[in-house]
Amino acid sequence: MTVTTGWVKPARQTKGLDPLGSQAPGILLYSHLLPGITNVTDRARYYTFYPWLIWALHEDGCTAGDQFVDLFRRGDCLFTLIAHRHLDVVGDGSDDHAVGLIGSNNLRSSINSLRDDEPVALSLVASMEGSERYFKNRLGGLGQYYFGPLRDLGILNGTGPAGVQCDVDVGVRFATAMDSAVDRSLFLKTLKRDEVRCRDLDPLACFCPCQLPSSSQEQALLADILANRGILEDPGHHDRRLTVRLVLHLAEALAAQGQVLDELTFRGIVYSGMLQDGTLLDLEDELDLQRRRWGCYAGGDLASVACLGMFWSLLLSYEAKDPTVQSSEEIGHWFAYEAEESTVLGDVAPGDVVVGDAAESVAARMPPISSWTGPRHELGIAYRIVGLSSGEESIESRTEVLQLSAELLLALIARGPSRTDVRGVFPPGYSEQYPINLYSLHHRVESGWRDLTLRQLVSRVAAEWLVDNHVHVAMRKLAAQSEDTFRIRVGDHGYEVAQISPAVMTSPRFRQLRRILLDTGVLEEAGGLACVSKEFTWMQDYDGSD
């Protein structure tokens, strides 16, 4: 008999920040509510620059192969260097110039060289090899960040460096719109000359993102993206138009009160349906539904933070005490009744009080739902959990995180958004794969959790949503991606803690949307406040008809 010995390569251990899959529903929801913009599409002018660069190289006779990739990468770097140089020349410290541009960190030494009036070789920084490389992806920022959104919008098509090209109708229109406002000949000449100094970049200042509002054709097309109209209109992207309109309405309402439009403010308003002074939002039906959908995202993110915080506390407690348990049910019971941290649950709700009553009691102790900047509001509690779980791993911190997580879950049960606002977004059976979401929380409460005591609830959540669910999530990632993401696993002597990760919140693309609205001139900043430009007030009420 022949025996063959084989070796199995161990899975690569990773430190992902969503060990429970609790962020997946929120990511799916905000992707549905704001298509075409992602967490890494930071600047509006890339939506025209990348089509323009591809088109310009094609017009110059460079259509594919290594030469195209080399010149494309040089152009990517040159665009960033131009913006940083223009920032230095203008000297206003504004985010309008270079913030969020591709390769800014890796090009830092080159930017400093330019400030010292030393030459920078584009071929060196754009190279695919070496320590000076600005980006690993073959097509730089386009390949890594922008190609997917540009393809989904119908601006670009193709599948790789040899085939990527502008769409004949839409993409070429974007390219020629930018071409009307920049010096194509000088840009390409600079690419081919390779070595650049400040004096070479100054005549190319028209490429700086801050110049976008002065390019009317580009500005109009980018507004069409935001409004989902004209040649870019797509029924599947209707929610982007609604989200933009919602944000513009909020910007105007906040500016009237002298308040800043930022992510915390956005989360607070969509979650509560109120401005900070308690004023109810006055929105038409379609925008109010969109607000409530975003409210479901915000509430779901809070539920995710509560569970991630509780998981963080459980793992630290389990690692410190190393109890002898053999099942997830035993872990849940130990954590809720025997762990040192569990004594704090009695401060949240007396032992014989059921969850339904405990939730109402917690909600009654909280500030009004409109006071979303307060530390005892749901949002304030979530930020506290995130901060504590990223800091010192002490008995005091994990005890406080358990208390805050329990309070946050109870608050969501008492006054969190309704699950009915997002019907149709999640496919059938989604909650079976990703059980931690608002729909499941409300369903579980209605199906029996309401009559549990708080300790029974924590025991059930720890066993089912934390340990069992985490193992299922980690097993899926191991099978699909050969990645070891286990935080706790079954060993020879029962469960063993593998690694511990903090609670984090998702990023709902609001920062990117706000920056793009400012880039395109739809929003204008005045005295730190964001106001809708008079030129684009039509977007607030745009219903889709021209």
Protein backbone atom coordinates (compact mmCIF):
# COMPACT_ATOMS: atom_id res chain seq x y z
CA MET A 1 0.00 0.00 0.00
CA THR A 2 1.27 3.43 -0.94
CA VAL A 3 0.99 6.14 1.67
CA THR A 4 1.22 9.78 0.59
CA THR A 5 1.93 12.45 3.19
CA GLY A 6 0.66 15.95 2.50
CA TRP A 7 0.92 19.17 4.39
CA VAL A 8 -1.96 21.56 4.85
CA LYS A 9 -0.98 25.19 4.93
CA PRO A 10 -2.35 26.84 8.08
CA ALA A 11 -4.97 29.52 7.60
CA ARG A 12 -3.76 33.10 7.77
CA GLN A 13 -4.76 34.70 11.06
CA THR A 14 -6.42 38.09 10.61
CA LYS A 15 -7.72 40.75 12.96
CA GLY A 16 -10.98 41.79 11.35
CA LEU A 17 -13.15 44.14 13.40
CA ASP A 18 -16.47 42.34 12.91
CA PRO A 19 -16.11 38.94 14.59
CA LEU A 20 -19.88 38.62 15.02
CA GLY A 21 -20.95 39.65 11.51
CA SER A 22 -23.03 42.26 13.30
CA GLN A 23 -21.87 45.04 10.99
CA ALA A 24 -22.91 43.27 7.79
CA PRO A 25 -26.62 44.29 7.96
CA GLY A 26 -25.68 47.95 8.44
CA ILE A 27 -23.18 47.86 5.59
CA LEU A 28 -25.77 46.29 3.29
CA LEU A 29 -28.33 48.91 4.33
CA TYR A 30 -26.18 51.99 3.82
CA SER A 31 -24.89 50.56 0.54
CA HIS A 32 -28.52 50.38 -0.57
CA LEU A 33 -29.29 53.89 0.66
CA LEU A 34 -26.23 55.54 -0.91
CA PRO A 35 -25.09 53.64 -4.03
CA GLY A 36 -22.26 54.93 -6.21
CA ILE A 37 -20.31 56.37 -3.27
CA THR A 38 -18.17 54.19 -1.02
CA ASN A 39 -16.07 54.57 2.12
CA VAL A 40 -12.97 55.11 -0.03
CA THR A 41 -14.30 57.43 -2.75
CA ASP A 42 -13.22 60.56 -0.95
CA ARG A 43 -13.11 63.19 -3.69
CA ALA A 44 -15.54 64.10 -6.45
CA ARG A 45 -13.01 64.99 -9.13
CA TYR A 46 -11.75 61.41 -9.37
CA TYR A 47 -15.11 60.62 -11.00
CA THR A 48 -14.01 62.78 -13.93
CA PHE A 49 -10.21 62.56 -13.65
CA TYR A 50 -9.92 58.80 -14.08
CA PRO A 51 -12.16 58.69 -17.19
CA TRP A 52 -10.25 61.70 -18.52
CA LEU A 53 -6.82 60.10 -17.94
CA ILE A 54 -7.84 56.85 -19.67
CA TRP A 55 -9.39 58.77 -22.56
CA ALA A 56 -6.43 61.16 -22.85
CA LEU A 57 -3.92 58.31 -23.00
CA HIS A 58 -6.04 56.52 -25.58
CA GLU A 59 -6.27 59.70 -27.65
CA ASP A 60 -2.48 59.94 -27.45
CA GLY A 61 -2.13 56.42 -28.86
CA CYS A 62 -1.47 54.55 -25.60
CA THR A 63 -4.30 52.06 -25.17
CA ALA A 64 -3.02 48.99 -23.33
CA GLY A 65 -0.10 47.06 -21.92
CA ASP A 66 2.75 48.02 -19.63
CA GLN A 67 3.22 51.43 -21.23
CA PHE A 68 -0.40 52.35 -20.50
CA VAL A 69 -0.08 51.15 -16.89
CA ASP A 70 3.16 53.07 -16.38
CA LEU A 71 1.77 56.34 -17.74
CA PHE A 72 -1.53 55.86 -15.91
CA ARG A 73 0.28 55.38 -12.60
CA ARG A 74 2.42 58.43 -13.28
CA GLY A 75 -0.73 60.43 -13.96
CA ASP A 76 -2.27 59.22 -10.70
CA CYS A 77 0.80 60.45 -8.79
CA LEU A 78 1.05 63.70 -10.73
CA PHE A 79 -2.57 64.55 -9.90
CA THR A 80 -1.79 64.20 -6.18
CA LEU A 81 1.45 66.18 -6.40
CA ILE A 82 -0.31 69.02 -8.24
CA ALA A 83 -2.89 69.33 -5.47
CA HIS A 84 -0.32 69.36 -2.67
CA ARG A 85 1.75 71.95 -4.53
CA HIS A 86 -1.33 74.12 -5.05
CA LEU A 87 -2.13 73.85 -1.34
CA ASP A 88 1.36 75.17 -0.55
CA VAL A 89 1.01 78.00 -3.05
CA VAL A 90 -2.43 79.10 -1.87
CA GLY A 91 -1.53 78.54 1.78
CA ASP A 92 -5.09 78.55 3.07
CA GLY A 93 -4.90 75.17 4.83
CA SER A 94 -8.18 74.17 3.20
CA ASP A 95 -9.39 70.61 2.72
CA ASP A 96 -10.45 71.61 -0.79
CA HIS A 97 -7.02 70.86 -2.25
CA ALA A 98 -5.28 67.64 -1.22
CA VAL A 99 -7.30 65.88 1.48
CA GLY A 100 -8.24 62.32 0.51
CA LEU A 101 -6.04 62.18 -2.58
CA ILE A 102 -4.54 58.86 -3.67
CA GLY A 103 -1.08 58.04 -2.33
CA SER A 104 -0.69 61.19 -0.23
CA ASN A 105 0.92 59.29 2.67
CA ASN A 106 3.33 57.25 0.56
CA LEU A 107 4.21 60.30 -1.52
CA ARG A 108 5.06 62.35 1.57
CA SER A 109 8.83 62.30 0.94
CA SER A 110 8.26 63.38 -2.67
CA ILE A 111 5.97 66.20 -1.53
CA ASN A 112 8.66 67.35 0.90
CA SER A 113 11.27 67.18 -1.86
CA LEU A 114 9.18 69.49 -3.99
CA ARG A 115 8.94 71.93 -1.09
CA ASP A 116 12.74 71.97 -1.03
CA ASP A 117 12.68 72.59 -4.80
CA GLU A 118 14.22 69.21 -5.48
CA PRO A 119 13.12 67.13 -8.50
CA VAL A 120 10.80 64.14 -8.21
CA ALA A 121 10.98 61.28 -10.69
CA LEU A 122 7.44 60.14 -11.55
CA SER A 123 8.77 56.85 -12.91
CA LEU A 124 10.23 56.08 -9.49
CA VAL A 125 7.19 56.87 -7.35
CA ALA A 126 4.83 55.25 -9.88
CA SER A 127 6.88 52.08 -10.15
CA MET A 128 5.28 48.75 -9.30
CA GLU A 129 8.37 47.78 -7.28
CA GLY A 130 10.55 49.27 -4.57
CA SER A 131 10.11 51.15 -1.32
CA GLU A 132 9.15 54.37 -3.13
CA ARG A 133 6.06 52.74 -4.69
CA TYR A 134 2.98 54.86 -4.07
CA PHE A 135 0.42 52.07 -4.45
CA LYS A 136 0.46 48.30 -4.85
CA ASN A 137 -2.64 47.94 -7.05
CA ARG A 138 -1.70 47.87 -10.74
CA LEU A 139 -4.11 50.68 -11.57
CA GLY A 140 -3.46 52.59 -8.36
CA GLY A 141 -6.38 54.38 -6.80
CA LEU A 142 -8.66 53.55 -9.70
CA GLY A 143 -8.11 49.82 -9.35
CA GLN A 144 -8.30 49.86 -5.57
CA TYR A 145 -11.08 52.35 -4.89
CA TYR A 146 -12.89 53.97 -7.80
CA PHE A 147 -13.26 51.39 -10.57
CA GLY A 148 -16.24 49.62 -8.99
CA PRO A 149 -18.34 52.78 -8.48
CA LEU A 150 -17.38 54.16 -11.92
CA ARG A 151 -18.31 50.87 -13.56
CA ASP A 152 -21.60 50.70 -11.65
CA LEU A 153 -22.42 54.22 -12.80
CA GLY A 154 -21.73 53.22 -16.42
CA ILE A 155 -18.80 55.63 -16.77
CA LEU A 156 -16.10 52.97 -17.21
CA ASN A 157 -16.17 49.41 -18.44
CA GLY A 158 -13.69 46.59 -18.86
CA THR A 159 -12.14 44.18 -16.41
CA GLY A 160 -8.43 44.97 -16.21
CA PRO A 161 -5.53 47.19 -17.25
CA ALA A 162 -5.66 45.99 -20.84
CA GLY A 163 -9.40 46.38 -21.18
CA VAL A 164 -10.45 49.25 -18.93
CA GLN A 165 -11.89 52.08 -20.98
CA CYS A 166 -14.43 54.87 -20.98
CA ASP A 167 -17.97 54.05 -21.91
CA VAL A 168 -18.49 55.38 -25.43
CA ASP A 169 -21.40 57.60 -24.41
CA VAL A 170 -21.22 58.31 -20.67
CA GLY A 171 -17.51 57.91 -19.99
CA VAL A 172 -16.35 59.99 -22.94
CA ARG A 173 -18.76 62.74 -21.94
CA PHE A 174 -17.19 62.83 -18.48
CA ALA A 175 -13.70 62.84 -19.99
CA THR A 176 -14.39 65.64 -22.45
CA ALA A 177 -16.11 67.67 -19.74
CA MET A 178 -12.89 67.72 -17.74
CA ASP A 179 -10.84 68.20 -20.89
CA SER A 180 -12.60 71.53 -21.50
CA ALA A 181 -11.19 72.89 -18.24
CA VAL A 182 -7.60 71.55 -18.16
CA ASP A 183 -4.44 71.57 -20.25
CA ARG A 184 -4.25 68.03 -21.61
CA SER A 185 -1.16 68.61 -23.74
CA LEU A 186 0.90 69.99 -20.86
CA PHE A 187 -0.19 67.21 -18.50
CA LEU A 188 0.84 64.46 -20.94
CA LYS A 189 4.08 66.27 -21.77
CA THR A 190 4.90 66.41 -18.05
CA LEU A 191 4.19 62.67 -17.67
CA LYS A 192 6.57 61.77 -20.44
CA ARG A 193 9.31 64.11 -19.23
CA ASP A 194 9.17 62.20 -15.94
CA GLU A 195 11.16 64.46 -13.65
CA VAL A 196 9.12 67.30 -12.16
CA ARG A 197 9.77 70.34 -9.99
CA CYS A 198 7.49 72.97 -8.51
CA ARG A 199 7.81 75.12 -11.60
CA ASP A 200 6.40 72.22 -13.66
CA LEU A 201 3.41 71.77 -11.37
CA ASP A 202 2.31 75.39 -11.03
CA PRO A 203 0.98 75.68 -14.62
CA LEU A 204 -1.10 72.54 -13.97
CA ALA A 205 -3.04 74.02 -11.03
CA CYS A 206 -6.23 73.70 -13.10
CA PHE A 207 -6.17 69.99 -12.19
CA CYS A 208 -6.40 70.65 -8.43
CA PRO A 209 -9.72 69.40 -7.00
CA CYS A 210 -10.40 72.89 -5.67
CA GLN A 211 -10.86 74.06 -9.27
CA LEU A 212 -13.85 71.78 -9.87
CA PRO A 213 -16.54 74.42 -9.16
CA SER A 214 -15.06 76.59 -11.92
CA SER A 215 -15.48 73.76 -14.45
CA SER A 216 -19.18 74.05 -15.26
CA GLN A 217 -19.43 70.96 -17.48
CA GLU A 218 -17.79 68.70 -14.88
CA GLN A 219 -19.85 70.23 -12.12
CA ALA A 220 -23.10 69.60 -14.00
CA LEU A 221 -22.28 65.94 -14.68
CA LEU A 222 -21.28 65.30 -11.08
CA ALA A 223 -24.52 66.92 -9.95
CA ASP A 224 -26.28 64.47 -12.28
CA ILE A 225 -24.62 61.61 -10.36
CA LEU A 226 -25.88 62.98 -7.07
CA ALA A 227 -29.37 63.64 -8.42
CA ASN A 228 -29.48 60.40 -10.45
CA ARG A 229 -30.72 62.21 -13.53
CA GLY A 230 -29.94 62.71 -17.20
CA ILE A 231 -27.71 60.13 -18.90
CA LEU A 232 -26.86 58.67 -15.49
CA GLU A 233 -30.41 58.01 -14.35
CA ASP A 234 -30.76 54.48 -13.02
CA PRO A 235 -33.87 53.22 -11.19
CA GLY A 236 -31.58 51.19 -8.95
CA HIS A 237 -29.86 54.36 -7.75
CA HIS A 238 -33.01 56.27 -6.77
CA ASP A 239 -32.01 56.04 -3.10
CA ARG A 240 -28.87 58.08 -3.73
CA ARG A 241 -31.03 60.99 -4.89
CA LEU A 242 -33.23 60.66 -1.79
CA THR A 243 -30.23 60.53 0.54
CA VAL A 244 -28.68 63.60 -1.07
CA ARG A 245 -31.96 65.49 -0.77
CA LEU A 246 -32.25 64.43 2.87
CA VAL A 247 -28.72 65.62 3.68
CA LEU A 248 -29.36 68.95 1.96
CA HIS A 249 -32.55 69.47 3.98
CA LEU A 250 -30.63 68.70 7.18
CA ALA A 251 -27.83 71.08 6.17
CA GLU A 252 -30.29 73.94 5.74
CA ALA A 253 -32.13 73.18 8.99
CA LEU A 254 -28.88 72.97 10.97
CA ALA A 255 -27.38 76.09 9.38
CA ALA A 256 -30.49 78.02 10.44
CA GLN A 257 -29.75 76.99 14.03
CA GLY A 258 -26.01 77.63 13.74
CA GLN A 259 -25.14 73.92 14.02
CA VAL A 260 -22.53 71.92 12.13
CA LEU A 261 -23.48 69.06 9.82
CA ASP A 262 -21.22 66.15 10.74
CA GLU A 263 -21.57 62.38 11.10
CA LEU A 264 -22.58 62.47 14.77
CA THR A 265 -25.28 65.03 13.98
CA PHE A 266 -26.47 62.96 11.02
CA ARG A 267 -26.68 59.81 13.14
CA GLY A 268 -28.54 61.63 15.89
CA ILE A 269 -31.12 63.22 13.62
CA VAL A 270 -31.93 60.14 11.55
CA TYR A 271 -32.09 57.97 14.66
CA SER A 272 -34.38 60.30 16.60
CA GLY A 273 -36.22 62.11 13.82
CA MET A 274 -35.53 65.39 15.63
CA LEU A 275 -33.11 68.25 15.66
CA GLN A 276 -31.13 68.72 18.85
CA ASP A 277 -33.55 71.34 20.19
CA GLY A 278 -36.38 68.79 19.99
CA THR A 279 -37.87 70.12 16.76
CA LEU A 280 -39.46 67.37 14.70
CA LEU A 281 -38.24 67.14 11.13
CA ASP A 282 -40.82 68.37 8.65
CA LEU A 283 -40.26 66.10 5.68
CA GLU A 284 -42.44 64.94 2.82
CA ASP A 285 -43.46 61.27 2.94
CA GLU A 286 -40.72 59.95 0.65
CA LEU A 287 -37.93 61.78 2.48
CA ASP A 288 -39.35 60.85 5.86
CA LEU A 289 -39.26 57.18 4.85
CA GLN A 290 -35.65 57.63 3.77
CA ARG A 291 -34.87 59.25 7.13
CA ARG A 292 -36.44 56.30 8.95
CA ARG A 293 -34.42 53.87 6.85
CA TRP A 294 -31.25 55.68 7.84
CA GLY A 295 -32.59 55.58 11.40
CA CYS A 296 -32.74 51.80 11.14
CA TYR A 297 -29.11 51.82 10.03
CA ALA A 298 -28.15 53.99 13.01
CA GLY A 299 -30.10 51.81 15.44
CA GLY A 300 -28.66 48.64 13.95
CA ASP A 301 -25.16 50.02 14.35
CA LEU A 302 -25.91 50.68 18.01
CA ALA A 303 -27.07 47.07 18.45
CA SER A 304 -23.85 45.93 16.80
CA VAL A 305 -21.74 48.03 19.19
CA ALA A 306 -23.67 46.68 22.19
CA CYS A 307 -22.99 43.07 21.16
CA LEU A 308 -19.36 43.71 20.19
CA GLY A 309 -18.81 45.45 23.53
CA MET A 310 -20.39 42.59 25.45
CA PHE A 311 -18.27 40.10 23.46
CA TRP A 312 -15.13 42.09 24.32
CA SER A 313 -16.05 42.00 28.00
CA LEU A 314 -16.88 38.29 27.90
CA LEU A 315 -13.60 37.32 26.23
CA LEU A 316 -11.48 39.33 28.67
CA SER A 317 -13.37 37.93 31.65
CA TYR A 318 -13.14 34.37 30.34
CA GLU A 319 -9.42 34.73 29.61
CA ALA A 320 -8.76 36.12 33.08
CA LYS A 321 -10.69 33.47 35.04
CA ASP A 322 -10.44 30.47 32.67
CA PRO A 323 -13.57 28.70 33.99
CA THR A 324 -14.18 25.06 33.22
CA VAL A 325 -17.05 25.09 30.73
CA GLN A 326 -17.77 22.83 27.78
CA SER A 327 -20.57 24.54 25.84
CA SER A 328 -21.74 27.95 24.74
CA GLU A 329 -24.73 27.65 27.07
CA GLU A 330 -22.37 27.11 30.00
CA ILE A 331 -20.31 30.14 28.95
CA GLY A 332 -23.44 32.29 28.75
CA HIS A 333 -24.65 31.16 32.18
CA TRP A 334 -21.21 31.67 33.75
CA PHE A 335 -20.88 35.17 32.26
CA ALA A 336 -24.35 36.29 33.39
CA TYR A 337 -24.38 34.73 36.87
CA GLU A 338 -20.86 33.91 38.05
CA ALA A 339 -18.35 36.22 36.35
CA GLU A 340 -17.07 39.04 38.55
CA GLU A 341 -18.35 41.59 36.03
CA SER A 342 -21.92 40.24 36.21
CA THR A 343 -22.60 41.94 39.55
CA VAL A 344 -23.12 45.17 37.60
CA LEU A 345 -26.23 43.73 35.94
CA GLY A 346 -28.07 44.20 39.22
CA ASP A 347 -27.42 47.93 38.92
CA VAL A 348 -29.05 47.97 35.49
CA ALA A 349 -32.17 46.07 36.58
CA PRO A 350 -33.16 44.19 39.76
CA GLY A 351 -32.93 40.42 39.43
CA ASP A 352 -36.65 39.72 39.25
CA VAL A 353 -37.53 42.49 36.75
CA VAL A 354 -38.28 41.21 33.27
CA VAL A 355 -36.69 42.68 30.14
CA GLY A 356 -39.82 44.50 28.99
CA ASP A 357 -40.04 46.45 32.25
CA ALA A 358 -36.27 46.88 32.53
CA ALA A 359 -36.15 48.38 29.04
CA GLU A 360 -38.82 50.95 29.90
CA SER A 361 -36.98 51.80 33.12
CA VAL A 362 -33.66 52.32 31.33
CA ALA A 363 -35.34 54.47 28.69
CA ALA A 364 -37.01 56.58 31.37
CA ARG A 365 -33.60 57.29 32.97
CA MET A 366 -32.12 58.40 29.67
CA PRO A 367 -32.20 61.93 28.27
CA PRO A 368 -34.81 62.70 25.58
CA ILE A 369 -34.17 60.91 22.34
CA SER A 370 -33.46 64.28 20.70
CA SER A 371 -30.51 64.93 23.09
CA TRP A 372 -28.14 62.84 21.04
CA THR A 373 -24.98 64.71 22.07
CA GLY A 374 -25.38 63.69 25.73
CA PRO A 375 -23.19 60.94 27.23
CA ARG A 376 -26.20 58.99 28.52
CA HIS A 377 -28.01 58.96 25.18
CA GLU A 378 -27.79 55.76 23.13
CA LEU A 379 -25.21 57.37 20.83
CA GLY A 380 -23.15 58.62 23.77
CA ILE A 381 -23.22 55.16 25.36
CA ALA A 382 -22.09 53.55 22.09
CA TYR A 383 -19.16 55.95 21.75
CA ARG A 384 -18.21 55.23 25.36
CA ILE A 385 -18.20 51.48 24.65
CA VAL A 386 -16.01 52.01 21.61
CA GLY A 387 -13.58 54.16 23.59
CA LEU A 388 -13.35 51.84 26.58
CA SER A 389 -12.87 48.68 24.51
CA SER A 390 -10.01 50.35 22.63
CA GLY A 391 -8.21 51.26 25.86
CA GLU A 392 -7.00 49.52 28.99
CA GLU A 393 -8.17 45.93 29.43
CA SER A 394 -8.95 46.18 33.15
CA ILE A 395 -11.63 44.65 35.34
CA GLU A 396 -13.12 48.13 35.73
CA SER A 397 -13.32 48.78 31.98
CA ARG A 398 -14.82 45.43 31.08
CA THR A 399 -17.35 45.75 33.91
CA GLU A 400 -18.40 49.19 32.68
CA VAL A 401 -18.60 47.96 29.09
CA LEU A 402 -20.90 45.10 30.15
CA GLN A 403 -23.15 47.55 31.98
CA LEU A 404 -23.24 49.99 29.08
CA SER A 405 -23.86 47.21 26.55
CA ALA A 406 -26.79 45.87 28.58
CA GLU A 407 -28.25 49.37 28.93
CA LEU A 408 -27.85 50.02 25.21
CA LEU A 409 -29.66 46.81 24.25
CA LEU A 410 -32.50 47.63 26.64
CA ALA A 411 -32.76 51.17 25.28
CA LEU A 412 -33.01 49.84 21.73
CA ILE A 413 -35.74 47.46 22.83
CA ALA A 414 -37.67 50.32 24.42
CA ARG A 415 -37.29 53.11 21.86
CA GLY A 416 -35.21 51.90 18.95
CA PRO A 417 -36.34 52.24 15.31
CA SER A 418 -38.92 49.83 13.89
CA ARG A 419 -37.72 47.05 11.64
CA THR A 420 -40.58 47.70 9.18
CA ASP A 421 -38.77 50.70 7.70
CA VAL A 422 -36.32 48.51 5.75
CA ARG A 423 -38.57 45.85 4.32
CA GLY A 424 -37.28 44.63 1.00
CA VAL A 425 -33.63 45.58 1.58
CA PHE A 426 -32.60 42.28 3.15
CA PRO A 427 -33.04 39.10 1.13
CA PRO A 428 -35.03 36.14 2.50
CA GLY A 429 -33.15 34.20 5.16
CA TYR A 430 -30.65 37.00 5.78
CA SER A 431 -31.22 37.01 9.54
CA GLU A 432 -30.32 33.34 9.72
CA GLN A 433 -26.83 34.11 8.43
CA TYR A 434 -26.49 37.46 10.24
CA PRO A 435 -28.73 37.20 13.32
CA ILE A 436 -27.57 40.42 15.03
CA ASN A 437 -29.79 43.12 13.55
CA LEU A 438 -32.78 45.21 14.58
CA TYR A 439 -35.25 42.85 12.92
CA SER A 440 -33.95 39.90 14.95
CA LEU A 441 -33.78 41.93 18.15
CA HIS A 442 -37.44 43.01 17.88
CA HIS A 443 -38.49 39.52 16.78
CA ARG A 444 -36.69 37.84 19.69
CA VAL A 445 -38.21 40.28 22.18
CA GLU A 446 -41.70 39.67 20.80
CA SER A 447 -41.10 35.89 20.79
CA GLY A 448 -40.13 35.56 24.45
CA TRP A 449 -37.13 37.68 25.40
CA ARG A 450 -39.45 40.33 26.85
CA ASP A 451 -40.33 37.99 29.72
CA LEU A 452 -36.74 37.05 30.61
CA THR A 453 -34.83 38.66 33.44
CA LEU A 454 -31.78 40.71 32.46
CA ARG A 455 -29.38 37.97 33.55
CA GLN A 456 -31.32 35.44 31.51
CA LEU A 457 -31.17 37.80 28.53
CA VAL A 458 -27.40 38.30 28.86
CA SER A 459 -26.93 34.55 29.22
CA ARG A 460 -28.98 33.90 26.07
CA VAL A 461 -27.26 36.65 24.07
CA ALA A 462 -23.80 35.49 25.16
CA ALA A 463 -24.47 31.87 24.21
CA GLU A 464 -26.39 32.35 20.95
CA TRP A 465 -25.38 35.73 19.50
CA LEU A 466 -21.82 35.93 20.77
CA VAL A 467 -20.20 32.49 21.07
CA ASP A 468 -22.28 30.30 18.72
CA ASN A 469 -22.74 33.02 16.13
CA HIS A 470 -19.06 33.99 16.22
CA VAL A 471 -17.98 30.39 15.62
CA HIS A 472 -20.34 30.20 12.62
CA VAL A 473 -19.01 33.48 11.21
CA ALA A 474 -15.41 32.40 11.70
CA MET A 475 -16.07 29.01 10.11
CA ARG A 476 -17.58 30.67 7.02
CA LYS A 477 -14.54 32.92 6.64
CA LEU A 478 -12.22 29.96 7.12
CA ALA A 479 -13.99 27.96 4.44
CA ALA A 480 -14.43 30.79 1.94
CA GLN A 481 -11.23 32.81 2.41
CA SER A 482 -8.82 30.53 4.33
CA GLU A 483 -8.65 33.20 7.03
CA ASP A 484 -8.49 32.40 10.74
CA THR A 485 -10.67 35.02 12.46
CA PHE A 486 -11.47 33.03 15.59
CA ARG A 487 -11.68 34.98 18.83
CA ILE A 488 -12.73 31.92 20.82
CA ARG A 489 -12.47 28.29 19.76
CA VAL A 490 -12.94 24.80 21.11
CA GLY A 491 -9.66 23.30 22.36
CA ASP A 492 -8.65 20.11 24.13
CA HIS A 493 -10.01 21.37 27.43
CA GLY A 494 -13.05 23.31 26.30
CA TYR A 495 -13.31 26.82 24.93
CA GLU A 496 -10.13 28.88 24.61
CA VAL A 497 -9.73 32.58 23.84
CA ALA A 498 -7.65 33.13 20.69
CA GLN A 499 -7.61 36.92 20.36
CA ILE A 500 -9.66 39.92 21.43
CA SER A 501 -10.87 42.85 19.33
CA PRO A 502 -12.57 46.10 20.40
CA ALA A 503 -16.05 47.29 19.55
CA VAL A 504 -16.20 49.62 16.57
CA MET A 505 -18.88 51.49 14.67
CA THR A 506 -19.34 51.33 10.92
CA SER A 507 -18.77 54.33 8.69
CA PRO A 508 -21.93 55.14 6.71
CA ARG A 509 -20.19 57.02 3.85
CA PHE A 510 -21.47 60.32 5.26
CA ARG A 511 -18.03 61.92 5.40
CA GLN A 512 -17.42 61.00 1.76
CA LEU A 513 -20.82 62.31 0.68
CA ARG A 514 -20.33 65.59 2.52
CA ARG A 515 -16.88 66.06 0.96
CA ILE A 516 -18.25 65.32 -2.52
CA LEU A 517 -21.11 67.78 -2.00
CA LEU A 518 -18.55 70.42 -1.03
CA ASP A 519 -16.27 69.51 -3.96
CA THR A 520 -19.04 69.93 -6.48
CA GLY A 521 -20.23 73.19 -4.95
CA VAL A 522 -23.63 71.80 -4.00
CA LEU A 523 -22.75 72.62 -0.38
CA GLU A 524 -20.80 75.69 0.62
CA GLU A 525 -19.04 76.27 3.92
CA ALA A 526 -19.49 79.60 5.63
CA GLY A 527 -18.32 80.21 9.18
CA GLY A 528 -17.95 76.46 9.74
CA LEU A 529 -21.53 75.79 8.65
CA ALA A 530 -22.58 73.90 5.52
CA CYS A 531 -25.24 75.63 3.43
CA VAL A 532 -26.84 74.63 0.14
CA SER A 533 -25.47 76.67 -2.76
CA LYS A 534 -28.09 78.90 -4.35
CA GLU A 535 -27.12 77.36 -7.68
CA PHE A 536 -28.20 73.91 -6.48
CA THR A 537 -31.27 74.58 -4.35
CA TRP A 538 -33.26 72.67 -6.98
CA MET A 539 -31.65 69.44 -5.70
CA GLN A 540 -33.52 69.72 -2.40
CA ASP A 541 -36.86 69.25 -4.14
CA TYR A 542 -35.83 67.34 -7.24
CA ASP A 543 -38.35 64.58 -7.94
CA GLY A 544 -36.56 62.97 -10.86
CA SER A 545 -38.15 64.89 -13.69
CA ASP A 546 -36.14 67.38 -15.76
